[in-house]
Each structure stands twice: as structure tokens, then as C-alpha cells.
Amino acid sequence: MQLVTLIAATVLATALLLLPPSTRAATRPGQWVTVRPPCPIACGLRSPRICGRTWSGMCRRFSNICELITLNLQNRGSSSPRWIHTPETDCRRVPGMGAANEFWCQRECTIRPVVCKRSSPHGEICARSLDGRLCKLVANQCQLRNKNCHTQPRNNWLPTDRRRCAGMQLTDNDMPCVSLPTQVTIRPVLPPTPGRA
């Protein structure tokens, strides 16, 4: 009986020693407990890049799934959006890695227009044509996708500054965009630096 207990203790100790350091923590001298790491152990330099998206339809490329999980842990309890793993096709419009290259997700078109659910006015989107001339106020991402998929030319509308649709209603047709005020930077004229005597 003592021999069986000794063998079991040896096997358990060997298994604990084989675990990565981040998965073991000491509570008392001679006692170890397993701690779940914040990211899968499989993540590393060879982990594939992934595409993540938010509920609002924004997409971002991540180096691996660990980067996405870590960002969600850092943003827990804040107003920052939560990212979920999504198919790579959604990131077709995303030019590069990281937050600086975030862009609206590319979604596959359906055969027929989708019946969109009602949403609050806070979800309204001002869409602008690629030539920058026309704007259209849509209720949500679903209506924007219908417009890109089932009007000609296809994929001609992108979200823009909400102010470009000032005064427009959801029932209005495409209208010329409202021009935004141009910011002019006025630099003060400084007196010339007096020369040395």
C-alpha cells in the first residue's frame, strides 16, 4: 500500500513539474495549485492571425487569439467594445494589423434583402457614396448591408460622419452630403528675435 502511494505521489509531482511556470503557483511551502493562464498555452509565434469583430460591425486583425482574449480582459468593466472571433472574410476591407487599421466588416450578400430589426436612433448611420457626393441615413448596419448588396452599384456606401446627414430622415432618398466646416489653424505672428549686440 505504501509503495502504491509513493508511486502515485511521484507521478503527480512529475506532472506538476512538466506544467509551464505560468500554470503553477505556490500557496504554502510544499503545496501547489494549478492556475489557469489568461491565454491558451498553444498561442505563440506560429499561431495564425485572426479576424475579430464587435457587435456594431467593426473589424480588426489580431496577431492571434491570445491578443484578442487579452484585449477583452483589459477592457472588462469599461465602455470599450468586446471583440469576438469571426471568419477571415469579414476582414477583407481591413488593410493591416492593430487598432489603427480597424474598418467596417465585409459581410457576404444575401440573395434577397434582409428584413432588418428596429433599432434606436442612436444606431442610425450616415452612409456616403464612394464618390463622396451623395449621403443616405440608414437605421443600422443591417440596412446599410442591404443597400450595398441590393442597389446599384454594389458596395458603393460606407459609414461617414453623422453630421453629413444633418436634417435627413430615414425615409429620404439619396441626397447631397452636408459639407462639414473646414478647420482653419491660425498661427500667431511672433516678433522677430532680436539679434545679439
C-alpha atoms as a PDB file:
ATOM      1  CA  MET A   1       0.000   0.000   0.000  1.00  0.00           C
ATOM      2  CA  GLN A   2       2.819   2.381   0.847  1.00  0.00           C
ATOM      3  CA  LEU A   3       4.507   1.521  -2.458  1.00  0.00           C
ATOM      4  CA  VAL A   4       1.349   2.431  -4.427  1.00  0.00           C
ATOM      5  CA  THR A   5       1.037   5.725  -2.547  1.00  0.00           C
ATOM      6  CA  LEU A   6       4.691   6.535  -3.226  1.00  0.00           C
ATOM      7  CA  ILE A   7       4.312   5.819  -6.954  1.00  0.00           C
ATOM      8  CA  ALA A   8       1.169   7.979  -7.184  1.00  0.00           C
ATOM      9  CA  ALA A   9       2.888  10.861  -5.406  1.00  0.00           C
ATOM     10  CA  THR A  10       5.882  10.598  -7.744  1.00  0.00           C
ATOM     11  CA  VAL A  11       3.683  10.657 -10.865  1.00  0.00           C
ATOM     12  CA  LEU A  12       1.743  13.682  -9.572  1.00  0.00           C
ATOM     13  CA  ALA A  13       4.920  15.592  -8.751  1.00  0.00           C
ATOM     14  CA  THR A  14       6.356  14.851 -12.199  1.00  0.00           C
ATOM     15  CA  ALA A  15       3.174  16.075 -13.905  1.00  0.00           C
ATOM     16  CA  LEU A  16       3.236  19.331 -11.957  1.00  0.00           C
ATOM     17  CA  LEU A  17       6.863  19.936 -12.861  1.00  0.00           C
ATOM     18  CA  LEU A  18       6.054  19.491 -16.553  1.00  0.00           C
ATOM     19  CA  LEU A  19       3.456  22.283 -16.465  1.00  0.00           C
ATOM     20  CA  PRO A  20       4.550  25.745 -17.654  1.00  0.00           C
ATOM     21  CA  PRO A  21       5.538  28.121 -14.840  1.00  0.00           C
ATOM     22  CA  SER A  22       2.524  30.343 -15.509  1.00  0.00           C
ATOM     23  CA  THR A  23       0.160  27.480 -14.645  1.00  0.00           C
ATOM     24  CA  ARG A  24       1.561  26.686 -11.184  1.00  0.00           C
ATOM     25  CA  ALA A  25       1.515  28.836  -8.072  1.00  0.00           C
ATOM     26  CA  ALA A  26       2.587  28.107  -4.504  1.00  0.00           C
ATOM     27  CA  THR A  27       0.098  28.724  -1.697  1.00  0.00           C
ATOM     28  CA  ARG A  28       2.063  27.172   1.156  1.00  0.00           C
ATOM     29  CA  PRO A  29       5.511  25.617   1.337  1.00  0.00           C
ATOM     30  CA  GLY A  30       5.311  22.259  -0.371  1.00  0.00           C
ATOM     31  CA  GLN A  31       1.808  22.834  -1.824  1.00  0.00           C
ATOM     32  CA  TRP A  32       0.996  23.751  -5.428  1.00  0.00           C
ATOM     33  CA  VAL A  33      -2.277  24.627  -7.112  1.00  0.00           C
ATOM     34  CA  THR A  34      -2.983  24.866 -10.817  1.00  0.00           C
ATOM     35  CA  VAL A  35      -3.762  28.376 -12.079  1.00  0.00           C
ATOM     36  CA  ARG A  36      -5.423  28.800 -15.468  1.00  0.00           C
ATOM     37  CA  PRO A  37      -3.338  31.133 -17.673  1.00  0.00           C
ATOM     38  CA  PRO A  38      -5.123  34.130 -19.257  1.00  0.00           C
ATOM     39  CA  CYS A  39      -4.407  32.767 -22.749  1.00  0.00           C
ATOM     40  CA  PRO A  40      -4.183  29.285 -24.254  1.00  0.00           C
ATOM     41  CA  ILE A  41      -0.726  27.747 -23.980  1.00  0.00           C
ATOM     42  CA  ALA A  42      -0.889  26.950 -27.707  1.00  0.00           C
ATOM     43  CA  CYS A  43      -0.576  30.646 -28.612  1.00  0.00           C
ATOM     44  CA  GLY A  44       2.882  31.540 -29.780  1.00  0.00           C
ATOM     45  CA  LEU A  45       4.876  32.831 -32.685  1.00  0.00           C
ATOM     46  CA  ARG A  46       3.320  30.260 -35.016  1.00  0.00           C
ATOM     47  CA  SER A  47      -0.285  30.987 -34.035  1.00  0.00           C
ATOM     48  CA  PRO A  48      -2.354  32.123 -37.031  1.00  0.00           C
ATOM     49  CA  ARG A  49      -3.637  35.643 -37.377  1.00  0.00           C
ATOM     50  CA  ILE A  50      -7.357  36.032 -36.807  1.00  0.00           C
ATOM     51  CA  CYS A  51     -10.154  38.491 -37.506  1.00  0.00           C
ATOM     52  CA  GLY A  52     -12.200  39.978 -34.673  1.00  0.00           C
ATOM     53  CA  ARG A  53     -15.395  41.999 -34.784  1.00  0.00           C
ATOM     54  CA  THR A  54     -17.593  43.987 -32.424  1.00  0.00           C
ATOM     55  CA  TRP A  55     -21.377  43.941 -32.141  1.00  0.00           C
ATOM     56  CA  SER A  56     -21.510  47.222 -34.092  1.00  0.00           C
ATOM     57  CA  GLY A  57     -19.797  45.660 -37.127  1.00  0.00           C
ATOM     58  CA  MET A  58     -16.242  46.996 -36.714  1.00  0.00           C
ATOM     59  CA  CYS A  59     -13.442  44.570 -37.636  1.00  0.00           C
ATOM     60  CA  ARG A  60      -9.792  44.345 -36.604  1.00  0.00           C
ATOM     61  CA  ARG A  61      -6.957  41.954 -37.400  1.00  0.00           C
ATOM     62  CA  PHE A  62      -5.219  40.331 -34.404  1.00  0.00           C
ATOM     63  CA  SER A  63      -1.852  38.566 -34.293  1.00  0.00           C
ATOM     64  CA  ASN A  64      -3.509  35.525 -32.679  1.00  0.00           C
ATOM     65  CA  ILE A  65      -6.432  34.517 -30.477  1.00  0.00           C
ATOM     66  CA  CYS A  66      -4.400  35.379 -27.356  1.00  0.00           C
ATOM     67  CA  GLU A  67      -4.203  39.029 -28.356  1.00  0.00           C
ATOM     68  CA  LEU A  68      -7.987  39.163 -28.732  1.00  0.00           C
ATOM     69  CA  ILE A  69      -8.579  37.467 -25.360  1.00  0.00           C
ATOM     70  CA  THR A  70      -6.082  39.743 -23.609  1.00  0.00           C
ATOM     71  CA  LEU A  71      -7.736  42.865 -25.035  1.00  0.00           C
ATOM     72  CA  ASN A  72     -11.152  41.714 -23.807  1.00  0.00           C
ATOM     73  CA  LEU A  73      -9.712  41.090 -20.334  1.00  0.00           C
ATOM     74  CA  GLN A  74      -8.158  44.553 -20.265  1.00  0.00           C
ATOM     75  CA  ASN A  75     -11.430  46.180 -21.363  1.00  0.00           C
ATOM     76  CA  ARG A  76     -13.581  44.266 -18.863  1.00  0.00           C
ATOM     77  CA  GLY A  77     -15.832  46.654 -16.969  1.00  0.00           C
ATOM     78  CA  SER A  78     -15.166  49.568 -19.332  1.00  0.00           C
ATOM     79  CA  SER A  79     -17.190  51.049 -22.176  1.00  0.00           C
ATOM     80  CA  SER A  80     -14.805  49.599 -24.773  1.00  0.00           C
ATOM     81  CA  PRO A  81     -16.415  47.077 -27.146  1.00  0.00           C
ATOM     82  CA  ARG A  82     -15.962  43.337 -26.720  1.00  0.00           C
ATOM     83  CA  TRP A  83     -14.258  41.521 -29.594  1.00  0.00           C
ATOM     84  CA  ILE A  84     -15.326  38.107 -30.874  1.00  0.00           C
ATOM     85  CA  HIS A  85     -13.580  35.771 -33.294  1.00  0.00           C
ATOM     86  CA  THR A  86     -15.141  35.958 -36.756  1.00  0.00           C
ATOM     87  CA  PRO A  87     -14.357  34.449 -40.192  1.00  0.00           C
ATOM     88  CA  GLU A  88     -11.397  35.893 -42.069  1.00  0.00           C
ATOM     89  CA  THR A  89     -13.693  37.017 -44.895  1.00  0.00           C
ATOM     90  CA  ASP A  90     -15.096  39.713 -42.587  1.00  0.00           C
ATOM     91  CA  CYS A  91     -11.668  41.426 -42.579  1.00  0.00           C
ATOM     92  CA  ARG A  92     -11.380  41.844 -46.351  1.00  0.00           C
ATOM     93  CA  ARG A  93     -11.565  45.616 -46.004  1.00  0.00           C
ATOM     94  CA  VAL A  94      -9.109  45.779 -43.092  1.00  0.00           C
ATOM     95  CA  PRO A  95      -5.755  46.861 -44.578  1.00  0.00           C
ATOM     96  CA  GLY A  96      -3.467  45.817 -41.727  1.00  0.00           C
ATOM     97  CA  MET A  97      -2.971  44.728 -38.132  1.00  0.00           C
ATOM     98  CA  GLY A  98      -3.977  46.572 -34.983  1.00  0.00           C
ATOM     99  CA  ALA A  99      -6.348  49.287 -33.865  1.00  0.00           C
ATOM    100  CA  ALA A 100      -5.033  51.845 -36.362  1.00  0.00           C
ATOM    101  CA  ASN A 101      -6.415  49.745 -39.245  1.00  0.00           C
ATOM    102  CA  GLU A 102      -9.894  48.994 -37.877  1.00  0.00           C
ATOM    103  CA  PHE A 103     -12.605  49.133 -40.515  1.00  0.00           C
ATOM    104  CA  TRP A 104     -16.189  48.085 -41.079  1.00  0.00           C
ATOM    105  CA  CYS A 105     -16.570  44.355 -41.624  1.00  0.00           C
ATOM    106  CA  GLN A 106     -17.152  42.914 -45.076  1.00  0.00           C
ATOM    107  CA  ARG A 107     -20.245  40.727 -44.933  1.00  0.00           C
ATOM    108  CA  GLU A 108     -21.395  38.393 -47.670  1.00  0.00           C
ATOM    109  CA  CYS A 109     -24.529  39.464 -49.523  1.00  0.00           C
ATOM    110  CA  THR A 110     -27.765  37.520 -49.268  1.00  0.00           C
ATOM    111  CA  ILE A 111     -29.912  36.508 -52.234  1.00  0.00           C
ATOM    112  CA  ARG A 112     -32.747  38.771 -51.093  1.00  0.00           C
ATOM    113  CA  PRO A 113     -32.823  41.855 -48.862  1.00  0.00           C
ATOM    114  CA  VAL A 114     -32.898  41.017 -45.167  1.00  0.00           C
ATOM    115  CA  VAL A 115     -35.809  42.161 -43.003  1.00  0.00           C
ATOM    116  CA  CYS A 116     -33.971  44.360 -40.517  1.00  0.00           C
ATOM    117  CA  LYS A 117     -34.993  44.691 -36.885  1.00  0.00           C
ATOM    118  CA  ARG A 118     -35.913  48.039 -35.437  1.00  0.00           C
ATOM    119  CA  SER A 119     -33.188  49.863 -33.579  1.00  0.00           C
ATOM    120  CA  SER A 120     -32.871  53.010 -31.503  1.00  0.00           C
ATOM    121  CA  PRO A 121     -31.997  56.368 -33.090  1.00  0.00           C
ATOM    122  CA  HIS A 122     -28.543  56.042 -31.526  1.00  0.00           C
ATOM    123  CA  GLY A 123     -27.815  53.248 -34.002  1.00  0.00           C
ATOM    124  CA  GLU A 124     -28.561  55.332 -37.100  1.00  0.00           C
ATOM    125  CA  ILE A 125     -25.711  55.529 -39.597  1.00  0.00           C
ATOM    126  CA  CYS A 126     -24.908  58.166 -42.175  1.00  0.00           C
ATOM    127  CA  ALA A 127     -23.735  56.372 -45.326  1.00  0.00           C
ATOM    128  CA  ARG A 128     -21.737  58.155 -48.005  1.00  0.00           C
ATOM    129  CA  SER A 129     -21.197  57.072 -51.607  1.00  0.00           C
ATOM    130  CA  LEU A 130     -17.671  56.268 -52.722  1.00  0.00           C
ATOM    131  CA  ASP A 131     -17.536  59.361 -54.931  1.00  0.00           C
ATOM    132  CA  GLY A 132     -18.298  61.498 -51.866  1.00  0.00           C
ATOM    133  CA  ARG A 133     -21.309  63.244 -53.400  1.00  0.00           C
ATOM    134  CA  LEU A 134     -24.406  61.527 -52.001  1.00  0.00           C
ATOM    135  CA  CYS A 135     -25.414  60.587 -48.466  1.00  0.00           C
ATOM    136  CA  LYS A 136     -28.203  58.438 -47.035  1.00  0.00           C
ATOM    137  CA  LEU A 137     -29.381  57.974 -43.461  1.00  0.00           C
ATOM    138  CA  VAL A 138     -29.953  54.299 -42.594  1.00  0.00           C
ATOM    139  CA  ALA A 139     -31.263  52.790 -39.374  1.00  0.00           C
ATOM    140  CA  ASN A 140     -28.474  50.292 -38.667  1.00  0.00           C
ATOM    141  CA  GLN A 141     -25.794  48.027 -40.117  1.00  0.00           C
ATOM    142  CA  CYS A 142     -28.442  45.671 -41.485  1.00  0.00           C
ATOM    143  CA  GLN A 143     -29.962  48.377 -43.692  1.00  0.00           C
ATOM    144  CA  LEU A 144     -26.513  49.517 -44.785  1.00  0.00           C
ATOM    145  CA  ARG A 145     -25.714  45.952 -45.875  1.00  0.00           C
ATOM    146  CA  ASN A 146     -28.983  45.754 -47.803  1.00  0.00           C
ATOM    147  CA  LYS A 147     -28.137  48.998 -49.573  1.00  0.00           C
ATOM    148  CA  ASN A 148     -24.658  47.786 -50.506  1.00  0.00           C
ATOM    149  CA  CYS A 149     -25.892  44.383 -51.648  1.00  0.00           C
ATOM    150  CA  HIS A 150     -29.172  45.144 -53.403  1.00  0.00           C
ATOM    151  CA  THR A 151     -28.684  48.543 -55.052  1.00  0.00           C
ATOM    152  CA  GLN A 152     -26.532  49.515 -57.995  1.00  0.00           C
ATOM    153  CA  PRO A 153     -23.617  49.939 -57.971  1.00  0.00           C
ATOM    154  CA  ARG A 154     -22.938  47.343 -55.295  1.00  0.00           C
ATOM    155  CA  ASN A 155     -20.724  48.055 -52.285  1.00  0.00           C
ATOM    156  CA  ASN A 156     -20.927  51.770 -53.005  1.00  0.00           C
ATOM    157  CA  TRP A 157     -21.702  53.027 -49.473  1.00  0.00           C
ATOM    158  CA  LEU A 158     -19.513  53.461 -46.404  1.00  0.00           C
ATOM    159  CA  PRO A 159     -20.275  54.942 -42.960  1.00  0.00           C
ATOM    160  CA  THR A 160     -19.244  58.561 -42.582  1.00  0.00           C
ATOM    161  CA  ASP A 161     -19.528  61.443 -40.142  1.00  0.00           C
ATOM    162  CA  ARG A 162     -23.083  61.670 -38.814  1.00  0.00           C
ATOM    163  CA  ARG A 163     -23.090  65.422 -39.450  1.00  0.00           C
ATOM    164  CA  ARG A 164     -23.064  64.851 -43.216  1.00  0.00           C
ATOM    165  CA  CYS A 165     -26.682  63.632 -42.891  1.00  0.00           C
ATOM    166  CA  ALA A 166     -27.881  66.581 -40.807  1.00  0.00           C
ATOM    167  CA  GLY A 167     -31.599  67.187 -41.343  1.00  0.00           C
ATOM    168  CA  MET A 168     -32.133  63.913 -43.235  1.00  0.00           C
ATOM    169  CA  GLN A 169     -34.805  61.339 -42.386  1.00  0.00           C
ATOM    170  CA  LEU A 170     -34.712  57.562 -42.772  1.00  0.00           C
ATOM    171  CA  THR A 171     -37.373  57.755 -45.491  1.00  0.00           C
ATOM    172  CA  ASP A 172     -35.426  60.263 -47.614  1.00  0.00           C
ATOM    173  CA  ASN A 173     -33.781  59.229 -50.862  1.00  0.00           C
ATOM    174  CA  ASP A 174     -30.088  59.708 -51.535  1.00  0.00           C
ATOM    175  CA  MET A 175     -29.239  63.379 -51.101  1.00  0.00           C
ATOM    176  CA  PRO A 176     -26.143  65.568 -51.492  1.00  0.00           C
ATOM    177  CA  CYS A 177     -23.993  65.361 -48.388  1.00  0.00           C
ATOM    178  CA  VAL A 178     -23.880  68.277 -45.992  1.00  0.00           C
ATOM    179  CA  SER A 179     -20.495  69.973 -46.148  1.00  0.00           C
ATOM    180  CA  LEU A 180     -18.550  69.920 -42.909  1.00  0.00           C
ATOM    181  CA  PRO A 181     -16.951  73.116 -41.632  1.00  0.00           C
ATOM    182  CA  THR A 182     -13.328  73.478 -42.593  1.00  0.00           C
ATOM    183  CA  GLN A 183     -10.956  73.801 -39.688  1.00  0.00           C
ATOM    184  CA  VAL A 184      -8.537  76.674 -40.107  1.00  0.00           C
ATOM    185  CA  THR A 185      -5.475  76.846 -37.903  1.00  0.00           C
ATOM    186  CA  ILE A 186      -4.340  80.398 -37.200  1.00  0.00           C
ATOM    187  CA  ARG A 187      -0.780  80.678 -36.032  1.00  0.00           C
ATOM    188  CA  PRO A 188       0.207  83.784 -34.085  1.00  0.00           C
ATOM    189  CA  VAL A 189       2.757  86.064 -35.678  1.00  0.00           C
ATOM    190  CA  LEU A 190       5.743  86.265 -33.380  1.00  0.00           C
ATOM    191  CA  PRO A 191       8.034  89.294 -33.338  1.00  0.00           C
ATOM    192  CA  PRO A 192      11.457  88.753 -34.846  1.00  0.00           C
ATOM    193  CA  THR A 193      14.127  87.571 -32.477  1.00  0.00           C
ATOM    194  CA  PRO A 194      16.421  90.470 -31.639  1.00  0.00           C
ATOM    195  CA  GLY A 195      19.978  89.959 -32.769  1.00  0.00           C
ATOM    196  CA  ARG A 196      22.836  89.753 -30.387  1.00  0.00           C
ATOM    197  CA  ALA A 197      24.600  93.008 -29.604  1.00  0.00           C
END
